[in-house]
Amino acid sequence: MAIGHNQVTVTTEPTLLHVADQDGANLWLKPEAAMYIGNGDVSTSNGYLLKQNISFSVFVGPGEQLYGVKAEGTTTVYVLMTLNN
């Protein structure tokens, strides 16, 4: 198992947060401001709300992609991951 990390600037357009490899990945996300997560079609009306400075964990299945989007402006989201390979 490997540990990785990243900081992603999320905008008002769906922004790629992570692409899982064939084994998937466990992610911990912590946004500086409220944002929404989901698939490539995520929007503020259909995404899962992540509140400001609250850590959230999610498993991203093999080959899946996770996106984020903001209602307005931008935010930095901190991503910590454990890769199952």
Protein backbone atom coordinates (compact mmCIF):
# COMPACT_ATOMS: atom_id res chain seq x y z
CA MET A 1 0.00 0.00 0.00
CA ALA A 2 1.31 3.44 -0.92
CA ILE A 3 0.35 6.83 0.49
CA GLY A 4 -0.07 9.86 -1.75
CA HIS A 5 -1.21 13.43 -1.36
CA ASN A 6 -2.27 16.33 -3.53
CA GLN A 7 -3.80 19.80 -3.42
CA VAL A 8 -6.35 20.57 -6.11
CA THR A 9 -7.91 23.93 -6.96
CA VAL A 10 -11.62 23.33 -7.56
CA THR A 11 -13.53 25.79 -9.75
CA THR A 12 -17.11 26.28 -10.96
CA GLU A 13 -16.47 23.64 -13.64
CA PRO A 14 -16.16 19.95 -12.69
CA THR A 15 -12.54 19.54 -11.59
CA LEU A 16 -10.85 16.13 -11.49
CA LEU A 17 -9.76 15.22 -7.96
CA HIS A 18 -8.55 11.66 -8.48
CA VAL A 19 -8.49 8.76 -10.95
CA ALA A 20 -8.24 5.38 -9.24
CA ASP A 21 -6.06 2.65 -10.71
CA GLN A 22 -7.18 -0.97 -11.15
CA ASP A 23 -7.15 -1.52 -7.36
CA GLY A 24 -9.06 1.60 -6.31
CA ALA A 25 -8.06 4.11 -3.64
CA ASN A 26 -9.16 5.35 -0.25
CA LEU A 27 -9.33 9.16 -0.21
CA TRP A 28 -9.58 11.72 2.57
CA LEU A 29 -10.73 15.14 1.36
CA LYS A 30 -10.66 18.44 3.25
CA PRO A 31 -11.84 21.54 1.33
CA GLU A 32 -11.00 25.09 2.44
CA ALA A 33 -14.54 26.14 1.41
CA ALA A 34 -17.79 24.29 0.76
CA MET A 35 -17.87 22.30 -2.48
CA TYR A 36 -19.64 19.34 -4.08
CA ILE A 37 -18.24 15.99 -5.23
CA GLY A 38 -19.46 13.39 -7.70
CA ASN A 39 -18.78 12.01 -11.16
CA GLY A 40 -17.81 14.02 -14.25
CA ASP A 41 -21.30 15.54 -14.46
CA VAL A 42 -21.24 16.86 -10.88
CA SER A 43 -22.95 20.19 -10.23
CA THR A 44 -24.08 22.16 -7.21
CA SER A 45 -27.57 20.74 -7.69
CA ASN A 46 -26.66 17.03 -7.93
CA GLY A 47 -23.34 16.64 -6.05
CA TYR A 48 -22.59 15.55 -2.51
CA LEU A 49 -21.90 18.60 -0.30
CA LEU A 50 -18.58 18.78 1.51
CA LYS A 51 -18.54 21.52 4.12
CA GLN A 52 -15.65 23.88 4.75
CA ASN A 53 -12.68 22.41 6.66
CA ILE A 54 -14.46 19.11 7.40
CA SER A 55 -12.56 15.93 6.49
CA PHE A 56 -14.45 13.32 4.47
CA SER A 57 -13.31 9.84 3.45
CA VAL A 58 -14.46 7.89 0.41
CA PHE A 59 -13.35 4.80 -1.50
CA VAL A 60 -12.96 5.39 -5.25
CA GLY A 61 -13.43 2.09 -7.07
CA PRO A 62 -11.11 0.66 -9.70
CA GLY A 63 -10.89 2.93 -12.74
CA GLU A 64 -13.38 5.45 -11.28
CA GLN A 65 -12.90 9.21 -11.30
CA LEU A 66 -13.90 11.68 -8.59
CA TYR A 67 -14.68 15.32 -9.41
CA GLY A 68 -15.40 18.44 -7.39
CA VAL A 69 -17.20 21.71 -8.20
CA LYS A 70 -17.83 25.06 -6.47
CA ALA A 71 -20.93 27.24 -6.62
CA GLU A 72 -18.74 30.31 -7.17
CA GLY A 73 -15.07 31.15 -7.04
CA THR A 74 -12.45 28.53 -6.23
CA THR A 75 -11.24 26.49 -3.29
CA THR A 76 -8.29 24.31 -2.51
CA VAL A 77 -9.11 20.75 -1.49
CA TYR A 78 -6.46 18.70 0.27
CA VAL A 79 -6.39 15.05 -0.81
CA LEU A 80 -4.71 12.24 1.11
CA MET A 81 -4.86 8.79 -0.44
CA THR A 82 -3.90 5.23 0.24
CA LEU A 83 -3.40 3.28 -2.94
CA ASN A 84 -4.13 -0.42 -2.75
CA ASN A 85 -1.36 -1.49 -5.13
